């Protein structure tokens, strides 16, 4: 259960409800807070038929380490559900979306067994529990159950990858280190940990791991985005660049800049310069763009057909993720 986890949720104990950012709906001081840090809430109280809405600001920051998302649990007890917002392209944005993703990660790590299986082989009742827990805590909106389970599948897979890379492979010659689950993840049952370790130090896994490592080496243009992702970046640029059309090439370039606006990777910087030149030629009428043949395609080359299809049909991406299928392309767009 979520309550079994240890947490390093910074300052939550020190500042109490103030750190959680919870204020009563009638507290007018909340109107003075920045709108970008407010979340819309819907009351889930069964006593009130019309759905009431208010805005509550949550400025709390979560520290690194294992989090139990205590503020989410507290709001569930208060029957308050943040309304997840989406941009015009249907991508989740804002604090409620970020918190929901973190909560899905907690559930995926704690409720799904640590086994050497694919997501499609996980029992349906466990997936249903994850969806119900998220649905009780957030007004999910677009995507609904499919998007939540797709996210849970990815986070569960990423969790196993983290355990493998940081807590198993570096200690293959140290049986004592591998004898117990990591301190950070004490909720992992020892029997599951022992079986998982055995699967990860087997010759079969070594072969698969080597193949995946070769694929990762082909990723040329890794982005530098944090949890906000492309949707969050697009939302941010629309606020700071009003009236300017944010196309794919602009997003691609901005996603690879550091906080000072520089691009450290020489290969990426070269492509970014080409994008600037192409954008200038388009604005001058020297080059025309149409359909999928946009500036980004001109700079990087044609998209992989499957990735292109997934970008245009989001549900296909959800289907592939839910069924344990993944695709790694060199474009990293």
Protein backbone atom coordinates (compact mmCIF):
# COMPACT_ATOMS: atom_id res chain seq x y z
CA UNK A 1 0.00 0.00 0.00
CA UNK A 2 1.06 3.58 -0.49
CA UNK A 3 1.20 4.19 3.24
CA UNK A 4 4.03 1.66 3.56
CA UNK A 5 6.51 3.83 1.68
CA UNK A 6 9.12 6.04 3.21
CA UNK A 7 9.25 9.57 1.87
CA UNK A 8 11.54 12.53 1.59
CA UNK A 9 8.78 14.96 0.69
CA UNK A 10 10.79 18.05 1.56
CA UNK A 11 9.48 20.18 4.34
CA UNK A 12 6.07 18.47 4.52
CA UNK A 13 6.48 17.70 8.19
CA UNK A 14 8.08 21.01 8.99
CA UNK A 15 5.49 23.28 7.50
CA UNK A 16 2.36 21.14 7.85
CA UNK A 17 -0.68 22.23 5.87
CA UNK A 18 1.09 25.38 4.67
CA UNK A 19 3.63 23.30 2.79
CA UNK A 20 0.81 21.18 1.34
CA UNK A 21 -0.64 24.37 -0.08
CA UNK A 22 -4.13 23.51 1.13
CA UNK A 23 -6.46 26.40 1.89
CA UNK A 24 -10.17 26.50 2.55
CA UNK A 25 -12.25 27.26 -0.57
CA UNK A 26 -13.61 30.42 1.08
CA UNK A 27 -10.11 31.78 1.77
CA UNK A 28 -9.95 34.79 -0.57
CA UNK A 29 -6.18 35.05 -0.23
CA UNK A 30 -5.90 32.24 -2.74
CA UNK A 31 -7.09 34.67 -5.44
CA UNK A 32 -3.92 36.68 -4.95
CA UNK A 33 -1.69 33.74 -5.89
CA UNK A 34 -0.33 33.35 -9.39
CA UNK A 35 -2.82 31.64 -11.66
CA UNK A 36 -0.14 29.35 -13.09
CA UNK A 37 0.25 27.73 -9.68
CA UNK A 38 -3.46 27.18 -9.05
CA UNK A 39 -5.28 23.93 -9.54
CA UNK A 40 -8.98 23.54 -10.17
CA UNK A 41 -10.65 21.12 -7.83
CA UNK A 42 -13.91 19.21 -8.01
CA UNK A 43 -15.60 18.00 -4.84
CA UNK A 44 -16.27 14.27 -4.89
CA UNK A 45 -18.63 14.40 -1.95
CA UNK A 46 -21.59 12.12 -2.49
CA UNK A 47 -23.79 14.50 -0.49
CA UNK A 48 -23.58 17.21 -3.15
CA UNK A 49 -25.02 16.36 -6.55
CA UNK A 50 -23.82 19.44 -8.48
CA UNK A 51 -20.03 19.33 -8.89
CA UNK A 52 -18.57 22.28 -7.04
CA UNK A 53 -15.30 23.80 -8.21
CA UNK A 54 -12.67 25.95 -6.58
CA UNK A 55 -9.00 26.73 -7.08
CA UNK A 56 -6.32 25.82 -4.59
CA UNK A 57 -2.63 26.56 -4.86
CA UNK A 58 -0.09 23.91 -3.99
CA UNK A 59 3.45 25.27 -3.95
CA UNK A 60 4.98 22.28 -2.23
CA UNK A 61 8.05 20.73 -3.80
CA UNK A 62 8.94 17.10 -3.57
CA UNK A 63 12.52 16.17 -2.75
CA UNK A 64 14.42 13.39 -4.43
CA UNK A 65 13.90 9.86 -3.21
CA UNK A 66 10.88 7.67 -2.61
CA UNK A 67 7.70 9.74 -2.28
CA UNK A 68 4.32 8.59 -1.01
CA UNK A 69 2.50 11.69 -2.30
CA UNK A 70 0.96 12.45 1.14
CA UNK A 71 -0.82 15.56 -0.10
CA UNK A 72 -2.72 13.46 -2.64
CA UNK A 73 -3.81 11.06 0.10
CA UNK A 74 -4.88 14.00 2.27
CA UNK A 75 -7.00 15.48 -0.51
CA UNK A 76 -8.63 12.10 -1.13
CA UNK A 77 -9.70 12.06 2.52
CA UNK A 78 -11.11 15.56 2.03
CA UNK A 79 -12.88 14.35 -1.14
CA UNK A 80 -11.14 16.96 -3.29
CA UNK A 81 -10.07 15.93 -6.80
CA UNK A 82 -7.77 18.18 -8.86
CA UNK A 83 -9.00 18.64 -12.41
CA UNK A 84 -6.26 17.64 -14.86
CA UNK A 85 -5.94 20.22 -17.64
CA UNK A 86 -4.89 19.72 -21.25
CA UNK A 87 -3.55 21.99 -23.97
CA UNK A 88 -5.19 22.44 -27.36
CA UNK A 89 -3.39 19.35 -28.66
CA UNK A 90 -4.77 17.16 -25.90
CA UNK A 91 -1.52 16.88 -23.93
CA UNK A 92 -1.71 17.08 -20.14
CA UNK A 93 -0.28 20.26 -18.63
CA UNK A 94 -0.08 22.03 -15.28
CA UNK A 95 0.52 21.02 -11.70
CA UNK A 96 -2.44 18.65 -11.41
CA UNK A 97 -1.16 16.65 -14.39
CA UNK A 98 2.36 16.51 -12.89
CA UNK A 99 1.03 15.35 -9.54
CA UNK A 100 -1.14 12.73 -11.20
CA UNK A 101 1.86 11.35 -13.07
CA UNK A 102 3.86 11.18 -9.83
CA UNK A 103 0.99 9.40 -8.10
CA UNK A 104 0.72 6.90 -10.95
CA UNK A 105 4.43 6.22 -10.47
CA UNK A 106 3.91 5.53 -6.76
CA UNK A 107 1.08 3.11 -7.55
CA UNK A 108 3.01 1.36 -10.31
CA UNK A 109 5.99 0.80 -8.03
CA UNK A 110 4.03 -0.28 -4.98
CA UNK A 111 1.06 -2.24 -6.33
CA UNK A 112 2.47 -4.07 -9.33
CA UNK A 113 4.63 -7.10 -8.43
CA UNK A 114 8.31 -6.90 -9.28
CA UNK A 115 8.39 -9.72 -11.79
CA UNK A 116 10.22 -10.45 -15.00
CA UNK A 117 7.09 -10.20 -17.14
CA UNK A 118 5.51 -7.85 -19.65
CA UNK A 119 2.76 -5.41 -18.70
CA UNK A 120 0.26 -7.44 -20.73
CA UNK A 121 0.89 -10.36 -18.37
CA UNK A 122 0.03 -8.40 -15.22
CA UNK A 123 -3.37 -9.40 -13.75
CA UNK A 124 -6.28 -7.19 -14.80
CA UNK A 125 -7.44 -6.69 -11.20
CA UNK A 126 -4.14 -4.97 -10.33
CA UNK A 127 -4.52 -2.60 -13.28
CA UNK A 128 -8.09 -1.92 -12.25
CA UNK A 129 -6.93 -1.04 -8.72
CA UNK A 130 -4.46 1.48 -10.11
CA UNK A 131 -7.11 3.11 -12.30
CA UNK A 132 -9.63 3.29 -9.44
CA UNK A 133 -7.03 4.85 -7.11
CA UNK A 134 -6.16 7.53 -9.68
CA UNK A 135 -9.79 8.15 -10.56
CA UNK A 136 -10.58 8.71 -6.88
CA UNK A 137 -7.75 11.24 -6.56
CA UNK A 138 -8.02 13.19 -9.84
CA UNK A 139 -10.53 14.21 -12.48
CA UNK A 140 -8.54 12.60 -15.28
CA UNK A 141 -10.42 13.96 -18.27
CA UNK A 142 -9.05 13.26 -21.76
CA UNK A 143 -7.62 9.79 -22.28
CA UNK A 144 -9.21 8.47 -19.12
CA UNK A 145 -8.41 4.93 -18.09
CA UNK A 146 -6.32 4.12 -21.18
CA UNK A 147 -3.95 7.04 -20.65
CA UNK A 148 -3.54 6.25 -16.94
CA UNK A 149 -2.72 2.59 -17.56
CA UNK A 150 -0.35 3.49 -20.41
CA UNK A 151 1.50 5.80 -18.04
CA UNK A 152 1.53 3.12 -15.31
CA UNK A 153 2.98 0.60 -17.78
CA UNK A 154 5.83 2.93 -18.72
CA UNK A 155 6.58 3.89 -15.12
CA UNK A 156 6.61 0.24 -14.03
CA UNK A 157 9.00 -0.60 -16.85
CA UNK A 158 11.19 2.41 -16.00
CA UNK A 159 11.23 1.36 -12.33
CA UNK A 160 12.53 -2.09 -13.23
CA UNK A 161 15.13 -0.49 -15.47
CA UNK A 162 16.25 1.81 -12.62
CA UNK A 163 16.60 -1.11 -10.22
CA UNK A 164 18.56 -3.07 -12.81
CA UNK A 165 20.97 -0.26 -13.74
CA UNK A 166 21.60 1.18 -10.28
CA UNK A 167 21.09 -1.67 -7.81
CA UNK A 168 21.83 -4.92 -9.64
CA UNK A 169 24.26 -4.74 -12.56
CA UNK A 170 26.94 -2.75 -10.64
CA UNK A 171 26.97 -5.47 -7.95
CA UNK A 172 26.86 -8.71 -9.91
CA UNK A 173 30.01 -9.86 -8.10
CA UNK A 174 28.78 -8.80 -4.65
CA UNK A 175 26.16 -11.27 -3.42
CA UNK A 176 25.78 -9.46 -0.11
CA UNK A 177 24.73 -6.25 -1.87
CA UNK A 178 22.12 -8.16 -3.85
CA UNK A 179 20.76 -10.12 -0.89
CA UNK A 180 18.27 -7.44 0.21
CA UNK A 181 16.03 -4.92 -1.62
CA UNK A 182 17.44 -1.36 -1.75
CA UNK A 183 16.85 0.74 1.37
CA UNK A 184 14.88 3.26 -0.69
CA UNK A 185 12.40 0.60 -1.79
CA UNK A 186 11.79 -1.42 1.37
CA UNK A 187 8.25 -2.24 0.23
CA UNK A 188 9.70 -4.78 -2.24
CA UNK A 189 9.18 -8.28 -0.89
CA UNK A 190 12.40 -10.26 -0.53
CA UNK A 191 11.09 -13.24 -2.50
CA UNK A 192 10.20 -10.96 -5.42
CA UNK A 193 13.56 -9.20 -5.15
CA UNK A 194 15.52 -12.47 -5.19
CA UNK A 195 13.62 -13.71 -8.25
CA UNK A 196 14.05 -10.39 -10.04
CA UNK A 197 17.78 -10.29 -9.32
CA UNK A 198 18.16 -13.84 -10.63
CA UNK A 199 16.39 -12.87 -13.86
CA UNK A 200 18.64 -9.84 -14.31
CA UNK A 201 21.96 -11.63 -13.89
CA UNK A 202 21.02 -14.47 -16.22
CA UNK A 203 22.75 -14.98 -19.56
CA UNK A 204 19.48 -14.46 -21.43
CA UNK A 205 19.01 -11.00 -19.93
CA UNK A 206 22.65 -10.12 -20.58
CA UNK A 207 22.07 -10.71 -24.28
CA UNK A 208 18.87 -8.61 -24.35
CA UNK A 209 20.52 -5.83 -22.32
CA UNK A 210 23.39 -5.69 -24.79
CA UNK A 211 20.98 -5.32 -27.72
CA UNK A 212 19.12 -2.48 -26.01
CA UNK A 213 22.41 -0.74 -25.21
CA UNK A 214 23.28 -0.77 -28.90
CA UNK A 215 19.89 0.77 -29.73
CA UNK A 216 20.37 3.52 -27.14
CA UNK A 217 23.73 4.40 -28.67
CA UNK A 218 21.88 5.34 -31.86
CA UNK A 219 19.88 8.08 -30.10
CA UNK A 220 21.55 11.16 -31.50
CA UNK A 221 19.46 14.08 -30.32
CA UNK A 222 18.44 13.55 -26.69
CA UNK A 223 16.29 16.31 -25.24
CA UNK A 224 16.85 18.06 -21.91
CA UNK A 225 13.23 18.29 -20.81
CA UNK A 226 12.21 17.71 -17.22
CA UNK A 227 8.91 16.15 -16.16
CA UNK A 228 6.96 18.88 -17.93
CA UNK A 229 7.64 17.19 -21.28
CA UNK A 230 6.85 18.65 -24.68
CA UNK A 231 3.30 19.56 -23.66
CA UNK A 232 4.54 21.60 -20.70
CA UNK A 233 7.21 23.25 -22.84
CA UNK A 234 4.64 24.18 -25.49
CA UNK A 235 2.35 25.64 -22.84
CA UNK A 236 5.26 27.62 -21.40
CA UNK A 237 6.29 29.00 -24.80
CA UNK A 238 2.72 30.03 -25.62
CA UNK A 239 2.69 32.14 -22.46
CA UNK A 240 6.11 33.73 -23.06
CA UNK A 241 5.68 34.10 -26.84
CA UNK A 242 2.06 35.24 -27.34
CA UNK A 243 0.91 35.46 -30.93
CA UNK A 244 3.81 33.35 -32.22
CA UNK A 245 3.02 29.96 -33.77
CA UNK A 246 4.97 27.26 -31.93
CA UNK A 247 5.80 24.66 -34.55
CA UNK A 248 7.55 21.30 -34.13
CA UNK A 249 10.97 22.64 -35.07
CA UNK A 250 10.82 25.37 -32.41
CA UNK A 251 9.79 22.82 -29.76
CA UNK A 252 12.54 20.42 -30.85
CA UNK A 253 15.21 23.11 -30.57
CA UNK A 254 14.00 24.56 -27.25
CA UNK A 255 13.77 21.07 -25.74
CA UNK A 256 17.51 20.64 -26.23
CA UNK A 257 18.66 23.95 -24.79
CA UNK A 258 20.03 24.31 -21.27
CA UNK A 259 18.69 26.89 -18.81
CA UNK A 260 20.93 29.54 -20.40
CA UNK A 261 19.59 28.89 -23.89
CA UNK A 262 22.73 27.09 -25.06
CA UNK A 263 22.94 23.68 -26.75
CA UNK A 264 25.97 21.80 -25.35
CA UNK A 265 25.85 18.86 -27.78
CA UNK A 266 27.70 19.80 -31.02
CA UNK A 267 25.55 17.46 -33.16
CA UNK A 268 22.34 18.94 -31.80
CA UNK A 269 23.70 22.48 -32.13
CA UNK A 270 24.44 21.84 -35.80
CA UNK A 271 20.88 20.70 -36.43
CA UNK A 272 19.50 23.66 -34.45
CA UNK A 273 21.49 26.03 -36.67
CA UNK A 274 20.06 24.32 -39.76
CA UNK A 275 16.55 24.73 -38.31
CA UNK A 276 17.18 28.46 -37.83
CA UNK A 277 18.33 28.78 -41.43
CA UNK A 278 15.31 26.87 -42.75
CA UNK A 279 12.89 28.91 -40.63
CA UNK A 280 14.41 32.09 -42.06
CA UNK A 281 14.06 30.78 -45.62
CA UNK A 282 10.42 29.88 -44.96
CA UNK A 283 9.67 33.35 -43.59
CA UNK A 284 11.32 34.89 -46.66
CA UNK A 285 9.28 32.71 -49.00
CA UNK A 286 12.32 30.90 -50.37
CA UNK A 287 11.21 27.53 -48.99
CA UNK A 288 7.65 26.23 -48.68
CA UNK A 289 6.36 23.76 -46.11
CA UNK A 290 3.29 21.56 -46.51
CA UNK A 291 1.82 18.68 -44.55
CA UNK A 292 4.40 16.44 -42.93
CA UNK A 293 7.19 18.09 -44.91
CA UNK A 294 7.82 20.78 -42.32
CA UNK A 295 11.03 22.44 -41.13
CA UNK A 296 11.82 19.66 -38.64
CA UNK A 297 11.49 16.98 -41.30
CA UNK A 298 13.73 18.98 -43.64
CA UNK A 299 16.39 19.29 -40.92
CA UNK A 300 16.31 15.72 -39.56
CA UNK A 301 14.99 13.70 -42.46
CA UNK A 302 11.71 11.75 -42.80
CA UNK A 303 10.12 10.33 -39.68
CA UNK A 304 10.03 6.61 -39.03
CA UNK A 305 6.60 5.54 -40.43
CA UNK A 306 5.43 3.92 -37.17
CA UNK A 307 6.49 6.88 -35.01
CA UNK A 308 4.78 9.22 -37.45
CA UNK A 309 1.58 7.17 -37.16
CA UNK A 310 1.74 7.15 -33.34
CA UNK A 311 2.18 10.94 -33.28
CA UNK A 312 -0.95 11.36 -35.38
CA UNK A 313 -2.99 8.67 -33.59
CA UNK A 314 -2.30 8.95 -29.82
CA UNK A 315 -4.51 5.96 -29.01
CA UNK A 316 -2.16 3.71 -30.99
CA UNK A 317 0.69 4.81 -28.73
CA UNK A 318 -1.42 3.99 -25.68
CA UNK A 319 -2.24 0.56 -27.12
CA UNK A 320 1.42 -0.25 -27.71
CA UNK A 321 2.42 0.89 -24.22
CA UNK A 322 -0.42 -0.93 -22.46
CA UNK A 323 0.50 -4.17 -24.21
CA UNK A 324 4.14 -3.95 -23.24
CA UNK A 325 5.39 -2.90 -26.65
CA UNK A 326 7.92 -0.12 -27.05
CA UNK A 327 9.63 1.61 -29.94
CA UNK A 328 12.97 3.39 -29.86
CA UNK A 329 13.72 5.67 -32.77
CA UNK A 330 16.85 7.70 -33.42
CA UNK A 331 14.84 10.88 -34.02
CA UNK A 332 13.91 11.37 -30.33
CA UNK A 333 11.25 13.89 -31.35
